[in-house]
Amino acid sequence: MSNEYNVPRRRWGKSELSISVIPFGTQGFGNHFGPVSDDEACELIRHSVDIGINHFDTALCYGDSQRKLGVALKRAVVKREEIIITARICCHVTYDWSGLDYTMNRGDVNYSADYAVANIEKQLELVDTDYFDAMSIHDPREIDPTLAENGTFNALKTLKARGVVKNIGYAMRPHHFHSKAIETGELDVLLTFNDYNLFGQTAADSVLPAAAEHDIGVLNGWSIKRGLLTGIDLAGHDQSNTEVQRATKMRQWCIDNNVNLLQLALHFCLRESRIHGNPIGSLNREQLEINAQAVSEPLPEETLDRFLGQQF
């Protein structure tokens, strides 16, 4: 791969935002996968923008990533208008968000509008911004309580009317949840995860057609299956796991055919035009650049078709 970056962007549905096809999943610098200092996070954020990745997807449940994004804005490492910031409201309370104690494991669930408003206002304060470009309800255990009269989604509509949240939606996996949310006719954005990658594409059966019909902007989580599809050696992983076995076979085919598995996995997702972004978390500059190069460098359609023909 060359050292030139040409990260494509796509129109993110009715939001009309132009987002990089690999938004920066800020869990990468939230300390969940290894320690990242404030200075390192700031450098990552600046470098990300410089190489064409302008969209940062964040959540309170992503460690202290929001605080670090706020540090970058306070230090003027990036200007607010340079970047797109999307966030999540987590209804399952696994930490004391008001005191920012990420070590607690409370297990409470709160789908009320009042809770959502207070939580999101805390996020605005942490990120040091007056608005989020989008806010999604993050992985709810139930969908109906979020859609209740005084539920989470109504809070998002209220905040959208106030202008502090520009677009609203959901970030979750169950497809029947997606269907119920889309049926409201009020979604701007949607994230589905672990359902469109080289291991399976169930999102294509219902979620993507329905979202496209309503011009909903779609993010696709787990496009590289949390690292399994990056081409790394999986010898240290659980060899009885069928996905590890499949990924190992894919990796070997790529080695034998001089193909980059990460590039192939991402271009497979880019082939689906109804998906607009594939968030990926980067722990350091090297990972960030590898991801950017993977989508910047074209992949021959014939190569992807030959790979898919193996039916791993």
C-alpha atoms as a PDB file:
ATOM      1  CA  MET A   1       0.000   0.000   0.000  1.00  0.00           C
ATOM      2  CA  SER A   2       1.093   3.554  -0.646  1.00  0.00           C
ATOM      3  CA  ASN A   3       1.593   6.151   2.023  1.00  0.00           C
ATOM      4  CA  GLU A   4      -1.045   8.423   0.463  1.00  0.00           C
ATOM      5  CA  TYR A   5      -4.391   8.710   2.187  1.00  0.00           C
ATOM      6  CA  ASN A   6      -7.569   9.203   0.234  1.00  0.00           C
ATOM      7  CA  VAL A   7     -10.232   8.181   2.720  1.00  0.00           C
ATOM      8  CA  PRO A   8     -13.613   8.211   0.928  1.00  0.00           C
ATOM      9  CA  ARG A   9     -16.605  10.023   2.384  1.00  0.00           C
ATOM     10  CA  ARG A  10     -20.278   9.322   1.992  1.00  0.00           C
ATOM     11  CA  ARG A  11     -23.481  11.257   2.511  1.00  0.00           C
ATOM     12  CA  TRP A  12     -24.890   9.980   5.814  1.00  0.00           C
ATOM     13  CA  GLY A  13     -28.517   9.726   4.792  1.00  0.00           C
ATOM     14  CA  LYS A  14     -30.963  12.507   5.595  1.00  0.00           C
ATOM     15  CA  SER A  15     -28.519  14.013   8.098  1.00  0.00           C
ATOM     16  CA  GLU A  16     -26.759  15.385   4.988  1.00  0.00           C
ATOM     17  CA  LEU A  17     -23.456  15.044   6.835  1.00  0.00           C
ATOM     18  CA  SER A  18     -20.456  13.935   4.792  1.00  0.00           C
ATOM     19  CA  ILE A  19     -18.670  11.320   6.898  1.00  0.00           C
ATOM     20  CA  SER A  20     -15.505   9.313   6.406  1.00  0.00           C
ATOM     21  CA  VAL A  21     -16.267   5.672   5.578  1.00  0.00           C
ATOM     22  CA  ILE A  22     -14.292   4.633   8.650  1.00  0.00           C
ATOM     23  CA  PRO A  23     -15.377   6.908  11.500  1.00  0.00           C
ATOM     24  CA  PHE A  24     -13.062   6.890  14.517  1.00  0.00           C
ATOM     25  CA  GLY A  25     -14.628   4.730  17.236  1.00  0.00           C
ATOM     26  CA  THR A  26     -13.356   6.533  20.317  1.00  0.00           C
ATOM     27  CA  GLN A  27     -13.416   3.415  22.476  1.00  0.00           C
ATOM     28  CA  GLY A  28      -9.970   3.026  20.925  1.00  0.00           C
ATOM     29  CA  PHE A  29      -8.586   5.718  23.248  1.00  0.00           C
ATOM     30  CA  GLY A  30     -10.965   5.128  26.164  1.00  0.00           C
ATOM     31  CA  ASN A  31      -8.439   2.831  27.920  1.00  0.00           C
ATOM     32  CA  HIS A  32     -10.545  -0.309  27.308  1.00  0.00           C
ATOM     33  CA  PHE A  33      -7.920  -1.870  25.032  1.00  0.00           C
ATOM     34  CA  GLY A  34      -4.843  -0.361  26.609  1.00  0.00           C
ATOM     35  CA  PRO A  35      -3.788   2.919  28.239  1.00  0.00           C
ATOM     36  CA  VAL A  36      -3.846   6.069  26.092  1.00  0.00           C
ATOM     37  CA  SER A  37      -2.761   9.351  27.689  1.00  0.00           C
ATOM     38  CA  ASP A  38      -4.437  12.698  27.091  1.00  0.00           C
ATOM     39  CA  ASP A  39      -1.501  13.827  24.962  1.00  0.00           C
ATOM     40  CA  GLU A  40      -1.590  10.625  22.913  1.00  0.00           C
ATOM     41  CA  ALA A  41      -5.354  10.934  22.411  1.00  0.00           C
ATOM     42  CA  CYS A  42      -4.993  14.533  21.283  1.00  0.00           C
ATOM     43  CA  GLU A  43      -2.311  13.554  18.788  1.00  0.00           C
ATOM     44  CA  LEU A  44      -4.524  10.744  17.478  1.00  0.00           C
ATOM     45  CA  ILE A  45      -7.496  13.062  17.062  1.00  0.00           C
ATOM     46  CA  ARG A  46      -5.449  15.687  15.189  1.00  0.00           C
ATOM     47  CA  HIS A  47      -3.774  13.113  12.960  1.00  0.00           C
ATOM     48  CA  SER A  48      -7.102  11.471  12.216  1.00  0.00           C
ATOM     49  CA  VAL A  49      -8.511  14.739  10.888  1.00  0.00           C
ATOM     50  CA  ASP A  50      -5.324  15.430   8.928  1.00  0.00           C
ATOM     51  CA  ILE A  51      -5.573  12.133   7.030  1.00  0.00           C
ATOM     52  CA  GLY A  52      -9.260  12.527   6.265  1.00  0.00           C
ATOM     53  CA  ILE A  53     -11.162  10.859   9.128  1.00  0.00           C
ATOM     54  CA  ASN A  54     -13.461  13.604  10.371  1.00  0.00           C
ATOM     55  CA  HIS A  55     -16.110  11.657  12.307  1.00  0.00           C
ATOM     56  CA  PHE A  56     -15.717  10.631  15.959  1.00  0.00           C
ATOM     57  CA  ASP A  57     -18.274   8.223  17.414  1.00  0.00           C
ATOM     58  CA  THR A  58     -18.308   8.241  21.201  1.00  0.00           C
ATOM     59  CA  ALA A  59     -20.238   7.226  24.303  1.00  0.00           C
ATOM     60  CA  LEU A  60     -19.994   7.561  28.071  1.00  0.00           C
ATOM     61  CA  CYS A  61     -19.669   3.784  28.260  1.00  0.00           C
ATOM     62  CA  TYR A  62     -16.483   4.013  26.160  1.00  0.00           C
ATOM     63  CA  GLY A  63     -14.265   4.656  29.162  1.00  0.00           C
ATOM     64  CA  ASP A  64     -12.989   8.206  29.458  1.00  0.00           C
ATOM     65  CA  SER A  65     -12.905   8.822  25.704  1.00  0.00           C
ATOM     66  CA  GLN A  66     -15.376  11.705  25.880  1.00  0.00           C
ATOM     67  CA  ARG A  67     -13.269  13.579  28.408  1.00  0.00           C
ATOM     68  CA  LYS A  68     -10.246  13.173  26.133  1.00  0.00           C
ATOM     69  CA  LEU A  69     -12.180  14.456  23.149  1.00  0.00           C
ATOM     70  CA  GLY A  70     -13.112  17.424  25.325  1.00  0.00           C
ATOM     71  CA  VAL A  71      -9.453  17.971  26.185  1.00  0.00           C
ATOM     72  CA  ALA A  72      -8.635  18.114  22.457  1.00  0.00           C
ATOM     73  CA  LEU A  73     -11.301  20.778  21.939  1.00  0.00           C
ATOM     74  CA  LYS A  74     -10.243  22.771  25.017  1.00  0.00           C
ATOM     75  CA  ARG A  75      -6.631  22.740  23.850  1.00  0.00           C
ATOM     76  CA  ALA A  76      -7.740  23.757  20.321  1.00  0.00           C
ATOM     77  CA  VAL A  77      -6.042  20.638  18.944  1.00  0.00           C
ATOM     78  CA  VAL A  78      -9.040  20.554  16.615  1.00  0.00           C
ATOM     79  CA  LYS A  79     -11.788  23.083  15.990  1.00  0.00           C
ATOM     80  CA  ARG A  80     -15.367  21.984  16.618  1.00  0.00           C
ATOM     81  CA  GLU A  81     -16.340  22.818  13.037  1.00  0.00           C
ATOM     82  CA  GLU A  82     -13.599  20.523  11.711  1.00  0.00           C
ATOM     83  CA  ILE A  83     -15.170  17.389  13.109  1.00  0.00           C
ATOM     84  CA  ILE A  84     -18.406  15.458  13.361  1.00  0.00           C
ATOM     85  CA  ILE A  85     -19.160  14.134  16.851  1.00  0.00           C
ATOM     86  CA  THR A  86     -21.797  11.483  17.393  1.00  0.00           C
ATOM     87  CA  ALA A  87     -22.630  10.094  20.812  1.00  0.00           C
ATOM     88  CA  ARG A  88     -24.807   7.513  22.571  1.00  0.00           C
ATOM     89  CA  ILE A  89     -27.153   7.427  25.525  1.00  0.00           C
ATOM     90  CA  CYS A  90     -26.654   4.198  27.496  1.00  0.00           C
ATOM     91  CA  CYS A  91     -29.846   3.257  29.361  1.00  0.00           C
ATOM     92  CA  HIS A  92     -28.111   0.457  31.245  1.00  0.00           C
ATOM     93  CA  VAL A  93     -26.187   2.168  33.999  1.00  0.00           C
ATOM     94  CA  THR A  94     -22.988   0.232  34.553  1.00  0.00           C
ATOM     95  CA  TYR A  95     -21.135   3.118  36.182  1.00  0.00           C
ATOM     96  CA  ASP A  96     -21.778   6.303  38.122  1.00  0.00           C
ATOM     97  CA  TRP A  97     -21.847   8.693  35.163  1.00  0.00           C
ATOM     98  CA  SER A  98     -22.636  11.715  37.303  1.00  0.00           C
ATOM     99  CA  GLY A  99     -19.404  11.185  39.214  1.00  0.00           C
ATOM    100  CA  LEU A 100     -17.605   9.543  36.293  1.00  0.00           C
ATOM    101  CA  ASP A 101     -16.647   6.425  38.215  1.00  0.00           C
ATOM    102  CA  TYR A 102     -16.094   3.891  35.439  1.00  0.00           C
ATOM    103  CA  THR A 103     -15.158   1.120  37.900  1.00  0.00           C
ATOM    104  CA  MET A 104     -18.674   0.605  39.254  1.00  0.00           C
ATOM    105  CA  ASN A 105     -20.969  -2.159  38.041  1.00  0.00           C
ATOM    106  CA  ARG A 106     -24.442  -1.126  39.131  1.00  0.00           C
ATOM    107  CA  GLY A 107     -26.529  -2.898  36.516  1.00  0.00           C
ATOM    108  CA  ASP A 108     -29.441  -0.440  36.785  1.00  0.00           C
ATOM    109  CA  VAL A 109     -31.605   0.324  33.748  1.00  0.00           C
ATOM    110  CA  ASN A 110     -33.338   3.656  33.216  1.00  0.00           C
ATOM    111  CA  TYR A 111     -35.386   4.375  30.089  1.00  0.00           C
ATOM    112  CA  SER A 112     -36.900   7.649  31.326  1.00  0.00           C
ATOM    113  CA  ALA A 113     -36.682  10.882  29.377  1.00  0.00           C
ATOM    114  CA  ASP A 114     -35.480  12.771  32.449  1.00  0.00           C
ATOM    115  CA  TYR A 115     -32.536  10.403  32.872  1.00  0.00           C
ATOM    116  CA  ALA A 116     -31.642  10.702  29.200  1.00  0.00           C
ATOM    117  CA  VAL A 117     -31.668  14.503  29.225  1.00  0.00           C
ATOM    118  CA  ALA A 118     -29.483  14.681  32.351  1.00  0.00           C
ATOM    119  CA  ASN A 119     -27.082  12.089  30.947  1.00  0.00           C
ATOM    120  CA  ILE A 120     -26.742  13.810  27.579  1.00  0.00           C
ATOM    121  CA  GLU A 121     -26.216  17.210  29.217  1.00  0.00           C
ATOM    122  CA  LYS A 122     -23.336  15.641  31.158  1.00  0.00           C
ATOM    123  CA  GLN A 123     -21.884  14.370  27.883  1.00  0.00           C
ATOM    124  CA  LEU A 124     -22.080  17.842  26.333  1.00  0.00           C
ATOM    125  CA  GLU A 125     -20.165  19.169  29.324  1.00  0.00           C
ATOM    126  CA  LEU A 126     -17.522  16.432  29.109  1.00  0.00           C
ATOM    127  CA  VAL A 127     -16.919  16.885  25.402  1.00  0.00           C
ATOM    128  CA  ASP A 128     -16.924  20.676  25.813  1.00  0.00           C
ATOM    129  CA  THR A 129     -19.388  21.202  22.997  1.00  0.00           C
ATOM    130  CA  ASP A 130     -22.742  22.927  22.568  1.00  0.00           C
ATOM    131  CA  TYR A 131     -24.166  20.202  20.357  1.00  0.00           C
ATOM    132  CA  PHE A 132     -23.765  16.660  19.073  1.00  0.00           C
ATOM    133  CA  ASP A 133     -24.131  15.982  15.373  1.00  0.00           C
ATOM    134  CA  ALA A 134     -26.111  12.865  16.273  1.00  0.00           C
ATOM    135  CA  MET A 135     -27.250  11.059  19.403  1.00  0.00           C
ATOM    136  CA  SER A 136     -28.277   7.398  19.431  1.00  0.00           C
ATOM    137  CA  ILE A 137     -29.804   5.139  22.054  1.00  0.00           C
ATOM    138  CA  HIS A 138     -27.081   2.614  22.759  1.00  0.00           C
ATOM    139  CA  ASP A 139     -27.846  -1.115  22.793  1.00  0.00           C
ATOM    140  CA  PRO A 140     -31.125  -1.056  24.788  1.00  0.00           C
ATOM    141  CA  ARG A 141     -32.144  -4.364  26.349  1.00  0.00           C
ATOM    142  CA  GLU A 142     -35.756  -3.610  25.398  1.00  0.00           C
ATOM    143  CA  ILE A 143     -37.099  -1.398  22.633  1.00  0.00           C
ATOM    144  CA  ASP A 144     -40.648  -0.629  23.831  1.00  0.00           C
ATOM    145  CA  PRO A 145     -39.661   1.344  26.985  1.00  0.00           C
ATOM    146  CA  THR A 146     -37.443   3.618  24.876  1.00  0.00           C
ATOM    147  CA  LEU A 147     -40.419   4.397  22.633  1.00  0.00           C
ATOM    148  CA  ALA A 148     -42.834   5.036  25.522  1.00  0.00           C
ATOM    149  CA  GLU A 149     -44.435   8.465  25.962  1.00  0.00           C
ATOM    150  CA  ASN A 150     -41.877   9.502  28.581  1.00  0.00           C
ATOM    151  CA  GLY A 151     -39.093   7.309  27.258  1.00  0.00           C
ATOM    152  CA  THR A 152     -35.573   7.793  25.945  1.00  0.00           C
ATOM    153  CA  PHE A 153     -36.509   8.500  22.339  1.00  0.00           C
ATOM    154  CA  ASN A 154     -38.834  11.339  23.294  1.00  0.00           C
ATOM    155  CA  ALA A 155     -35.919  12.893  25.169  1.00  0.00           C
ATOM    156  CA  LEU A 156     -33.870  12.768  21.979  1.00  0.00           C
ATOM    157  CA  LYS A 157     -36.697  14.461  20.064  1.00  0.00           C
ATOM    158  CA  THR A 158     -36.865  17.185  22.730  1.00  0.00           C
ATOM    159  CA  LEU A 159     -33.119  17.782  22.560  1.00  0.00           C
ATOM    160  CA  LYS A 160     -33.269  17.847  18.763  1.00  0.00           C
ATOM    161  CA  ALA A 161     -35.918  20.566  18.992  1.00  0.00           C
ATOM    162  CA  ARG A 162     -33.578  22.487  21.310  1.00  0.00           C
ATOM    163  CA  GLY A 163     -30.775  22.204  18.746  1.00  0.00           C
ATOM    164  CA  VAL A 164     -28.282  20.476  21.023  1.00  0.00           C
ATOM    165  CA  VAL A 165     -28.697  17.189  19.133  1.00  0.00           C
ATOM    166  CA  LYS A 166     -28.850  17.561  15.355  1.00  0.00           C
ATOM    167  CA  ASN A 167     -29.860  14.013  14.415  1.00  0.00           C
ATOM    168  CA  ILE A 168     -31.317  11.115  16.407  1.00  0.00           C
ATOM    169  CA  GLY A 169     -31.385   7.353  16.187  1.00  0.00           C
ATOM    170  CA  TYR A 170     -30.448   3.983  17.647  1.00  0.00           C
ATOM    171  CA  ALA A 171     -27.279   1.902  17.916  1.00  0.00           C
ATOM    172  CA  MET A 172     -28.183  -1.766  18.505  1.00  0.00           C
ATOM    173  CA  ARG A 173     -28.226  -5.260  17.087  1.00  0.00           C
ATOM    174  CA  PRO A 174     -31.662  -6.989  17.190  1.00  0.00           C
ATOM    175  CA  HIS A 175     -33.279  -6.518  13.795  1.00  0.00           C
ATOM    176  CA  HIS A 176     -36.823  -6.469  15.185  1.00  0.00           C
ATOM    177  CA  PHE A 177     -35.677  -3.557  17.356  1.00  0.00           C
ATOM    178  CA  HIS A 178     -34.448  -1.813  14.210  1.00  0.00           C
ATOM    179  CA  SER A 179     -37.784  -2.396  12.489  1.00  0.00           C
ATOM    180  CA  LYS A 180     -39.788  -0.900  15.359  1.00  0.00           C
ATOM    181  CA  ALA A 181     -37.537   2.139  15.516  1.00  0.00           C
ATOM    182  CA  ILE A 182     -37.618   2.709  11.755  1.00  0.00           C
ATOM    183  CA  GLU A 183     -41.421   2.437  11.778  1.00  0.00           C
ATOM    184  CA  THR A 184     -41.618   5.612  13.886  1.00  0.00           C
ATOM    185  CA  GLY A 185     -40.588   7.548  10.787  1.00  0.00           C
ATOM    186  CA  GLU A 186     -38.482   9.819  12.994  1.00  0.00           C
ATOM    187  CA  LEU A 187     -35.020   8.257  12.777  1.00  0.00           C
ATOM    188  CA  ASP A 188     -32.196  10.136  11.130  1.00  0.00           C
ATOM    189  CA  VAL A 189     -29.400   7.635  11.841  1.00  0.00           C
ATOM    190  CA  LEU A 190     -28.959   4.003  12.767  1.00  0.00           C
ATOM    191  CA  LEU A 191     -26.119   1.705  13.775  1.00  0.00           C
ATOM    192  CA  THR A 192     -26.185  -2.052  13.424  1.00  0.00           C
ATOM    193  CA  PHE A 193     -23.302  -4.179  14.667  1.00  0.00           C
ATOM    194  CA  ASN A 194     -21.866  -7.620  14.017  1.00  0.00           C
ATOM    195  CA  ASP A 195     -24.352  -8.175  11.202  1.00  0.00           C
ATOM    196  CA  TYR A 196     -22.496  -7.045   8.098  1.00  0.00           C
ATOM    197  CA  ASN A 197     -18.982  -8.374   7.704  1.00  0.00           C
ATOM    198  CA  LEU A 198     -17.203 -11.324   6.090  1.00  0.00           C
ATOM    199  CA  PHE A 199     -18.789 -13.692   8.620  1.00  0.00           C
ATOM    200  CA  GLY A 200     -22.402 -12.769   7.855  1.00  0.00           C
ATOM    201  CA  GLN A 201     -24.687 -10.107   6.422  1.00  0.00           C
ATOM    202  CA  THR A 202     -28.117 -10.481   8.038  1.00  0.00           C
ATOM    203  CA  ALA A 203     -28.504  -6.687   8.085  1.00  0.00           C
ATOM    204  CA  ALA A 204     -28.899  -6.833   4.304  1.00  0.00           C
ATOM    205  CA  ASP A 205     -32.143  -8.787   4.627  1.00  0.00           C
ATOM    206  CA  SER A 206     -34.229  -6.184   6.446  1.00  0.00           C
ATOM    207  CA  VAL A 207     -32.326  -3.351   8.108  1.00  0.00           C
ATOM    208  CA  LEU A 208     -30.523  -1.933   5.090  1.00  0.00           C
ATOM    209  CA  PRO A 209     -33.535  -1.950   2.715  1.00  0.00           C
ATOM    210  CA  ALA A 210     -35.785  -0.302   5.333  1.00  0.00           C
ATOM    211  CA  ALA A 211     -33.156   2.273   6.259  1.00  0.00           C
ATOM    212  CA  ALA A 212     -32.524   3.118   2.610  1.00  0.00           C
ATOM    213  CA  GLU A 213     -36.254   3.539   1.985  1.00  0.00           C
ATOM    214  CA  HIS A 214     -36.381   6.158   4.753  1.00  0.00           C
ATOM    215  CA  ASP A 215     -33.003   7.718   3.823  1.00  0.00           C
ATOM    216  CA  ILE A 216     -31.574   6.853   7.253  1.00  0.00           C
ATOM    217  CA  GLY A 217     -27.828   7.199   7.686  1.00  0.00           C
ATOM    218  CA  VAL A 218     -26.313   3.806   8.563  1.00  0.00           C
ATOM    219  CA  LEU A 219     -23.194   2.939  10.554  1.00  0.00           C
ATOM    220  CA  ASN A 220     -21.912  -0.636  10.522  1.00  0.00           C
ATOM    221  CA  GLY A 221     -20.180  -1.750  13.716  1.00  0.00           C
ATOM    222  CA  TRP A 222     -17.768  -4.674  13.907  1.00  0.00           C
ATOM    223  CA  SER A 223     -16.836  -4.573  10.206  1.00  0.00           C
ATOM    224  CA  ILE A 224     -13.507  -6.160  11.142  1.00  0.00           C
ATOM    225  CA  LYS A 225     -14.991  -8.319  13.890  1.00  0.00           C
ATOM    226  CA  ARG A 226     -13.046  -6.678  16.696  1.00  0.00           C
ATOM    227  CA  GLY A 227      -9.713  -7.488  15.114  1.00  0.00           C
ATOM    228  CA  LEU A 228     -10.324 -11.021  13.820  1.00  0.00           C
ATOM    229  CA  LEU A 229     -10.433  -9.739  10.240  1.00  0.00           C
ATOM    230  CA  THR A 230      -7.323  -7.559  10.355  1.00  0.00           C
ATOM    231  CA  GLY A 231      -4.917 -10.288   9.251  1.00  0.00           C
ATOM    232  CA  ILE A 232      -3.186 -10.674  12.610  1.00  0.00           C
ATOM    233  CA  ASP A 233      -1.890 -14.085  13.674  1.00  0.00           C
ATOM    234  CA  LEU A 234      -4.661 -15.723  15.703  1.00  0.00           C
ATOM    235  CA  ALA A 235      -2.534 -18.547  17.111  1.00  0.00           C
ATOM    236  CA  GLY A 236      -3.065 -17.211  20.636  1.00  0.00           C
ATOM    237  CA  HIS A 237      -6.852 -17.186  20.305  1.00  0.00           C
ATOM    238  CA  ASP A 238      -9.288 -19.954  21.197  1.00  0.00           C
ATOM    239  CA  GLN A 239      -8.783 -22.431  18.379  1.00  0.00           C
ATOM    240  CA  SER A 240     -12.110 -24.158  19.080  1.00  0.00           C
ATOM    241  CA  ASN A 241     -13.956 -20.944  18.213  1.00  0.00           C
ATOM    242  CA  THR A 242     -15.497 -21.314  14.743  1.00  0.00           C
ATOM    243  CA  GLU A 243     -14.973 -17.642  13.891  1.00  0.00           C
ATOM    244  CA  VAL A 244     -11.298 -17.909  14.802  1.00  0.00           C
ATOM    245  CA  GLN A 245     -11.101 -20.966  12.557  1.00  0.00           C
ATOM    246  CA  ARG A 246     -12.766 -19.133   9.659  1.00  0.00           C
ATOM    247  CA  ALA A 247     -10.613 -16.039  10.111  1.00  0.00           C
ATOM    248  CA  THR A 248      -7.472 -18.196  10.175  1.00  0.00           C
ATOM    249  CA  LYS A 249      -8.440 -19.764   6.834  1.00  0.00           C
ATOM    250  CA  MET A 250      -9.189 -16.332   5.390  1.00  0.00           C
ATOM    251  CA  ARG A 251      -5.822 -15.059   6.599  1.00  0.00           C
ATOM    252  CA  GLN A 252      -3.989 -17.960   5.009  1.00  0.00           C
ATOM    253  CA  TRP A 253      -5.753 -17.436   1.669  1.00  0.00           C
ATOM    254  CA  CYS A 254      -4.745 -13.781   1.774  1.00  0.00           C
ATOM    255  CA  ILE A 255      -1.126 -14.678   2.551  1.00  0.00           C
ATOM    256  CA  ASP A 256      -1.077 -17.190  -0.308  1.00  0.00           C
ATOM    257  CA  ASN A 257      -2.565 -14.642  -2.724  1.00  0.00           C
ATOM    258  CA  ASN A 258      -0.639 -11.570  -1.523  1.00  0.00           C
ATOM    259  CA  VAL A 259      -3.819  -9.834  -0.396  1.00  0.00           C
ATOM    260  CA  ASN A 260      -4.328  -7.668   2.698  1.00  0.00           C
ATOM    261  CA  LEU A 261      -7.184  -9.150   4.775  1.00  0.00           C
ATOM    262  CA  LEU A 262      -7.970  -5.846   6.510  1.00  0.00           C
ATOM    263  CA  GLN A 263      -8.257  -4.096   3.159  1.00  0.00           C
ATOM    264  CA  LEU A 264     -10.415  -6.898   1.820  1.00  0.00           C
ATOM    265  CA  ALA A 265     -12.718  -6.923   4.867  1.00  0.00           C
ATOM    266  CA  LEU A 266     -13.279  -3.172   4.672  1.00  0.00           C
ATOM    267  CA  HIS A 267     -13.763  -3.050   0.916  1.00  0.00           C
ATOM    268  CA  PHE A 268     -16.329  -5.820   1.239  1.00  0.00           C
ATOM    269  CA  CYS A 269     -18.326  -3.461   3.484  1.00  0.00           C
ATOM    270  CA  LEU A 270     -17.675  -0.466   1.217  1.00  0.00           C
ATOM    271  CA  ARG A 271     -19.210  -2.395  -1.671  1.00  0.00           C
ATOM    272  CA  GLU A 272     -22.559  -2.028   0.142  1.00  0.00           C
ATOM    273  CA  SER A 273     -23.670   1.513  -0.741  1.00  0.00           C
ATOM    274  CA  ARG A 274     -26.482   1.484   1.853  1.00  0.00           C
ATOM    275  CA  ILE A 275     -23.802   1.462   4.570  1.00  0.00           C
ATOM    276  CA  HIS A 276     -22.242   4.886   4.995  1.00  0.00           C
ATOM    277  CA  GLY A 277     -19.664   4.392   7.745  1.00  0.00           C
ATOM    278  CA  ASN A 278     -17.799   1.554   9.443  1.00  0.00           C
ATOM    279  CA  PRO A 279     -16.528   2.805  12.825  1.00  0.00           C
ATOM    280  CA  ILE A 280     -13.136   1.459  13.890  1.00  0.00           C
ATOM    281  CA  GLY A 281     -11.272   2.188  17.087  1.00  0.00           C
ATOM    282  CA  SER A 282      -7.537   2.893  16.897  1.00  0.00           C
ATOM    283  CA  LEU A 283      -5.286   2.569  19.917  1.00  0.00           C
ATOM    284  CA  ASN A 284      -2.337   4.363  18.352  1.00  0.00           C
ATOM    285  CA  ARG A 285      -1.095   6.201  15.269  1.00  0.00           C
ATOM    286  CA  GLU A 286       0.098   3.022  13.549  1.00  0.00           C
ATOM    287  CA  GLN A 287      -3.349   1.378  13.737  1.00  0.00           C
ATOM    288  CA  LEU A 288      -5.014   4.574  12.538  1.00  0.00           C
ATOM    289  CA  GLU A 289      -2.763   4.828   9.493  1.00  0.00           C
ATOM    290  CA  ILE A 290      -3.179   1.153   8.620  1.00  0.00           C
ATOM    291  CA  ASN A 291      -6.949   1.538   8.671  1.00  0.00           C
ATOM    292  CA  ALA A 292      -6.812   4.709   6.564  1.00  0.00           C
ATOM    293  CA  GLN A 293      -4.527   3.093   4.007  1.00  0.00           C
ATOM    294  CA  ALA A 294      -6.798   0.062   3.772  1.00  0.00           C
ATOM    295  CA  VAL A 295      -9.710   2.150   2.476  1.00  0.00           C
ATOM    296  CA  SER A 296      -7.551   4.595   0.510  1.00  0.00           C
ATOM    297  CA  GLU A 297      -5.989   1.920  -1.681  1.00  0.00           C
ATOM    298  CA  PRO A 298      -8.343   0.460  -4.331  1.00  0.00           C
ATOM    299  CA  LEU A 299      -9.002  -3.282  -4.277  1.00  0.00           C
ATOM    300  CA  PRO A 300      -9.760  -4.989  -7.606  1.00  0.00           C
ATOM    301  CA  GLU A 301     -13.315  -6.329  -7.732  1.00  0.00           C
ATOM    302  CA  GLU A 302     -11.938  -9.537  -9.189  1.00  0.00           C
ATOM    303  CA  THR A 303      -9.823 -10.100  -6.066  1.00  0.00           C
ATOM    304  CA  LEU A 304     -12.821  -9.692  -3.783  1.00  0.00           C
ATOM    305  CA  ASP A 305     -14.922 -11.984  -5.967  1.00  0.00           C
ATOM    306  CA  ARG A 306     -12.211 -14.672  -5.939  1.00  0.00           C
ATOM    307  CA  PHE A 307     -12.046 -14.485  -2.161  1.00  0.00           C
ATOM    308  CA  LEU A 308     -15.812 -14.701  -1.751  1.00  0.00           C
ATOM    309  CA  GLY A 309     -15.846 -17.658  -4.122  1.00  0.00           C
ATOM    310  CA  GLN A 310     -13.900 -19.665  -1.535  1.00  0.00           C
ATOM    311  CA  GLN A 311     -16.999 -19.658   0.743  1.00  0.00           C
ATOM    312  CA  PHE A 312     -14.970 -19.816   3.942  1.00  0.00           C
END
